[in-house]
Amino acid sequence: MRREAIRLKWAEFFENYDAIIMPISPVPPFPHNQEGNFGTRTLQGSDGQTRPYSDLIRWTILTGMAYLPATTPPIGLDSDGLPVSFQVVGPYGGDYTTIRLAKFIAEHNGGYSKPPMS
């Protein structure tokens, strides 16, 4: 019931907007980490604060649990040369809209660039 209530709120939002641009993660790209488990791992935020690993899903869960399409366009690289972006989210069934908008954003920012090999 809660999921359906959230889906209805998103549907109301998309009556007035074609898409929304949202963060993907509260932290920049980070080295792969397999120590501990999802509940015990931590991340360093861009603000220098330690965050729980579960913060990685805070933005994507808002849309994924409502079955909304999201497309991630390439927009640039961070200071370490790793790719950064955001998610273009659309209404349920609006996959084509998010893909097209992400394409335009990517083209405006120079398109995809391969990250450096480590």
C-alpha atoms as a PDB file:
ATOM      1  CA  MET A   1       0.000   0.000   0.000  1.00  0.00           C
ATOM      2  CA  ARG A   2       2.852   2.395   0.774  1.00  0.00           C
ATOM      3  CA  ARG A   3       4.528   1.684  -2.540  1.00  0.00           C
ATOM      4  CA  GLU A   4       1.281   2.364  -4.398  1.00  0.00           C
ATOM      5  CA  ALA A   5       0.787   5.641  -2.505  1.00  0.00           C
ATOM      6  CA  ILE A   6       4.272   6.748  -3.567  1.00  0.00           C
ATOM      7  CA  ARG A   7       3.603   5.670  -7.167  1.00  0.00           C
ATOM      8  CA  LEU A   8       0.444   7.793  -7.173  1.00  0.00           C
ATOM      9  CA  LYS A   9       2.383  10.822  -5.885  1.00  0.00           C
ATOM     10  CA  TRP A  10       4.945  10.384  -8.671  1.00  0.00           C
ATOM     11  CA  ALA A  11       2.121  10.072 -11.213  1.00  0.00           C
ATOM     12  CA  GLU A  12       0.718  13.400  -9.956  1.00  0.00           C
ATOM     13  CA  PHE A  13       4.153  15.014 -10.331  1.00  0.00           C
ATOM     14  CA  PHE A  14       4.513  13.760 -13.900  1.00  0.00           C
ATOM     15  CA  GLU A  15       1.158  15.268 -14.873  1.00  0.00           C
ATOM     16  CA  ASN A  16       3.060  18.594 -14.947  1.00  0.00           C
ATOM     17  CA  TYR A  17       6.605  17.527 -15.852  1.00  0.00           C
ATOM     18  CA  ASP A  18       8.105  15.253 -18.510  1.00  0.00           C
ATOM     19  CA  ALA A  19      11.131  14.254 -16.431  1.00  0.00           C
ATOM     20  CA  ILE A  20      13.163  15.143 -13.377  1.00  0.00           C
ATOM     21  CA  ILE A  21      16.923  15.210 -12.922  1.00  0.00           C
ATOM     22  CA  MET A  22      18.063  13.671  -9.634  1.00  0.00           C
ATOM     23  CA  PRO A  23      21.328  12.581  -8.015  1.00  0.00           C
ATOM     24  CA  ILE A  24      22.342   8.949  -8.247  1.00  0.00           C
ATOM     25  CA  SER A  25      24.510   8.832  -5.160  1.00  0.00           C
ATOM     26  CA  PRO A  26      25.497  11.180  -2.334  1.00  0.00           C
ATOM     27  CA  VAL A  27      29.187  10.395  -2.895  1.00  0.00           C
ATOM     28  CA  PRO A  28      31.561  10.677  -5.855  1.00  0.00           C
ATOM     29  CA  PRO A  29      32.960   7.516  -7.487  1.00  0.00           C
ATOM     30  CA  PHE A  30      34.964   5.446  -5.017  1.00  0.00           C
ATOM     31  CA  PRO A  31      37.296   2.423  -5.049  1.00  0.00           C
ATOM     32  CA  HIS A  32      35.680  -1.014  -5.043  1.00  0.00           C
ATOM     33  CA  ASN A  33      35.206  -2.289  -1.474  1.00  0.00           C
ATOM     34  CA  GLN A  34      34.394  -5.867  -0.442  1.00  0.00           C
ATOM     35  CA  GLU A  35      35.344  -5.586   3.239  1.00  0.00           C
ATOM     36  CA  GLY A  36      32.578  -6.403   5.677  1.00  0.00           C
ATOM     37  CA  ASN A  37      29.064  -6.423   4.291  1.00  0.00           C
ATOM     38  CA  PHE A  38      26.543  -3.921   2.980  1.00  0.00           C
ATOM     39  CA  GLY A  39      25.456  -3.051   6.519  1.00  0.00           C
ATOM     40  CA  THR A  40      28.957  -2.501   7.922  1.00  0.00           C
ATOM     41  CA  ARG A  41      30.762  -0.742   5.049  1.00  0.00           C
ATOM     42  CA  THR A  42      31.156   3.029   5.077  1.00  0.00           C
ATOM     43  CA  LEU A  43      31.900   5.700   2.475  1.00  0.00           C
ATOM     44  CA  GLN A  44      33.618   9.051   2.568  1.00  0.00           C
ATOM     45  CA  GLY A  45      31.265  11.818   1.425  1.00  0.00           C
ATOM     46  CA  SER A  46      32.435  14.810  -0.605  1.00  0.00           C
ATOM     47  CA  ASP A  47      31.867  16.836   2.556  1.00  0.00           C
ATOM     48  CA  GLY A  48      34.474  14.700   4.377  1.00  0.00           C
ATOM     49  CA  GLN A  49      31.879  12.975   6.525  1.00  0.00           C
ATOM     50  CA  THR A  50      31.669   9.197   6.884  1.00  0.00           C
ATOM     51  CA  ARG A  51      28.390   7.825   5.583  1.00  0.00           C
ATOM     52  CA  PRO A  52      26.827   4.362   5.794  1.00  0.00           C
ATOM     53  CA  TYR A  53      27.187   2.298   2.614  1.00  0.00           C
ATOM     54  CA  SER A  54      23.393   2.065   2.461  1.00  0.00           C
ATOM     55  CA  ASP A  55      23.316   5.774   1.519  1.00  0.00           C
ATOM     56  CA  LEU A  56      24.216   4.578  -1.992  1.00  0.00           C
ATOM     57  CA  ILE A  57      20.605   3.595  -2.617  1.00  0.00           C
ATOM     58  CA  ARG A  58      18.859   6.614  -1.096  1.00  0.00           C
ATOM     59  CA  TRP A  59      18.256   8.386  -4.417  1.00  0.00           C
ATOM     60  CA  THR A  60      17.729   5.376  -6.647  1.00  0.00           C
ATOM     61  CA  ILE A  61      15.277   3.699  -4.274  1.00  0.00           C
ATOM     62  CA  LEU A  62      12.958   6.729  -4.491  1.00  0.00           C
ATOM     63  CA  THR A  63      12.333   5.985  -8.135  1.00  0.00           C
ATOM     64  CA  GLY A  64      13.193   2.302  -8.529  1.00  0.00           C
ATOM     65  CA  MET A  65      10.647   1.157  -5.969  1.00  0.00           C
ATOM     66  CA  ALA A  66       7.998   3.042  -7.949  1.00  0.00           C
ATOM     67  CA  TYR A  67       9.049   1.306 -11.210  1.00  0.00           C
ATOM     68  CA  LEU A  68      10.071   4.589 -12.830  1.00  0.00           C
ATOM     69  CA  PRO A  69      12.561   4.566 -15.713  1.00  0.00           C
ATOM     70  CA  ALA A  70      15.892   6.272 -15.135  1.00  0.00           C
ATOM     71  CA  THR A  71      18.673   6.944 -17.634  1.00  0.00           C
ATOM     72  CA  THR A  72      22.165   8.130 -16.746  1.00  0.00           C
ATOM     73  CA  PRO A  73      23.879  10.355 -19.333  1.00  0.00           C
ATOM     74  CA  PRO A  74      27.644  10.861 -19.356  1.00  0.00           C
ATOM     75  CA  ILE A  75      28.290  14.417 -18.151  1.00  0.00           C
ATOM     76  CA  GLY A  76      31.954  14.491 -17.237  1.00  0.00           C
ATOM     77  CA  LEU A  77      34.777  13.182 -15.105  1.00  0.00           C
ATOM     78  CA  ASP A  78      35.734  13.912 -11.510  1.00  0.00           C
ATOM     79  CA  SER A  79      39.191  15.092 -10.416  1.00  0.00           C
ATOM     80  CA  ASP A  80      40.402  11.453 -10.478  1.00  0.00           C
ATOM     81  CA  GLY A  81      39.155  10.971 -14.032  1.00  0.00           C
ATOM     82  CA  LEU A  82      36.191   8.801 -13.020  1.00  0.00           C
ATOM     83  CA  PRO A  83      32.801   9.301 -14.695  1.00  0.00           C
ATOM     84  CA  VAL A  84      30.134  11.308 -12.874  1.00  0.00           C
ATOM     85  CA  SER A  85      26.487  11.837 -13.720  1.00  0.00           C
ATOM     86  CA  PHE A  86      22.914  12.078 -12.483  1.00  0.00           C
ATOM     87  CA  GLN A  87      19.730  10.201 -13.296  1.00  0.00           C
ATOM     88  CA  VAL A  88      17.030  11.435 -15.667  1.00  0.00           C
ATOM     89  CA  VAL A  89      13.802   9.995 -14.264  1.00  0.00           C
ATOM     90  CA  GLY A  90      10.475   9.862 -16.072  1.00  0.00           C
ATOM     91  CA  PRO A  91       6.942   8.650 -15.489  1.00  0.00           C
ATOM     92  CA  TYR A  92       6.031   4.978 -15.444  1.00  0.00           C
ATOM     93  CA  GLY A  93       6.295   3.791 -19.045  1.00  0.00           C
ATOM     94  CA  GLY A  94       8.259   6.909 -20.018  1.00  0.00           C
ATOM     95  CA  ASP A  95      11.497   5.117 -20.896  1.00  0.00           C
ATOM     96  CA  TYR A  96      11.764   6.737 -24.318  1.00  0.00           C
ATOM     97  CA  THR A  97      11.494  10.203 -22.755  1.00  0.00           C
ATOM     98  CA  THR A  98      14.350   9.591 -20.310  1.00  0.00           C
ATOM     99  CA  ILE A  99      16.530   8.031 -22.997  1.00  0.00           C
ATOM    100  CA  ARG A 100      16.002  10.935 -25.404  1.00  0.00           C
ATOM    101  CA  LEU A 101      16.581  13.594 -22.756  1.00  0.00           C
ATOM    102  CA  ALA A 102      19.725  11.813 -21.552  1.00  0.00           C
ATOM    103  CA  LYS A 103      20.931  11.653 -25.171  1.00  0.00           C
ATOM    104  CA  PHE A 104      20.504  15.412 -25.605  1.00  0.00           C
ATOM    105  CA  ILE A 105      22.290  16.097 -22.302  1.00  0.00           C
ATOM    106  CA  ALA A 106      25.162  13.781 -23.247  1.00  0.00           C
ATOM    107  CA  GLU A 107      25.542  15.403 -26.670  1.00  0.00           C
ATOM    108  CA  HIS A 108      25.567  18.852 -25.072  1.00  0.00           C
ATOM    109  CA  ASN A 109      28.388  17.722 -22.759  1.00  0.00           C
ATOM    110  CA  GLY A 110      30.574  16.172 -25.451  1.00  0.00           C
ATOM    111  CA  GLY A 111      29.303  12.586 -25.293  1.00  0.00           C
ATOM    112  CA  TYR A 112      30.862   9.528 -23.740  1.00  0.00           C
ATOM    113  CA  SER A 113      34.561   9.360 -22.910  1.00  0.00           C
ATOM    114  CA  LYS A 114      36.276   6.146 -21.833  1.00  0.00           C
ATOM    115  CA  PRO A 115      37.520   6.326 -18.234  1.00  0.00           C
ATOM    116  CA  PRO A 116      41.255   5.716 -17.724  1.00  0.00           C
ATOM    117  CA  MET A 117      42.403   2.132 -17.343  1.00  0.00           C
ATOM    118  CA  SER A 118      43.775   1.361 -13.908  1.00  0.00           C
END
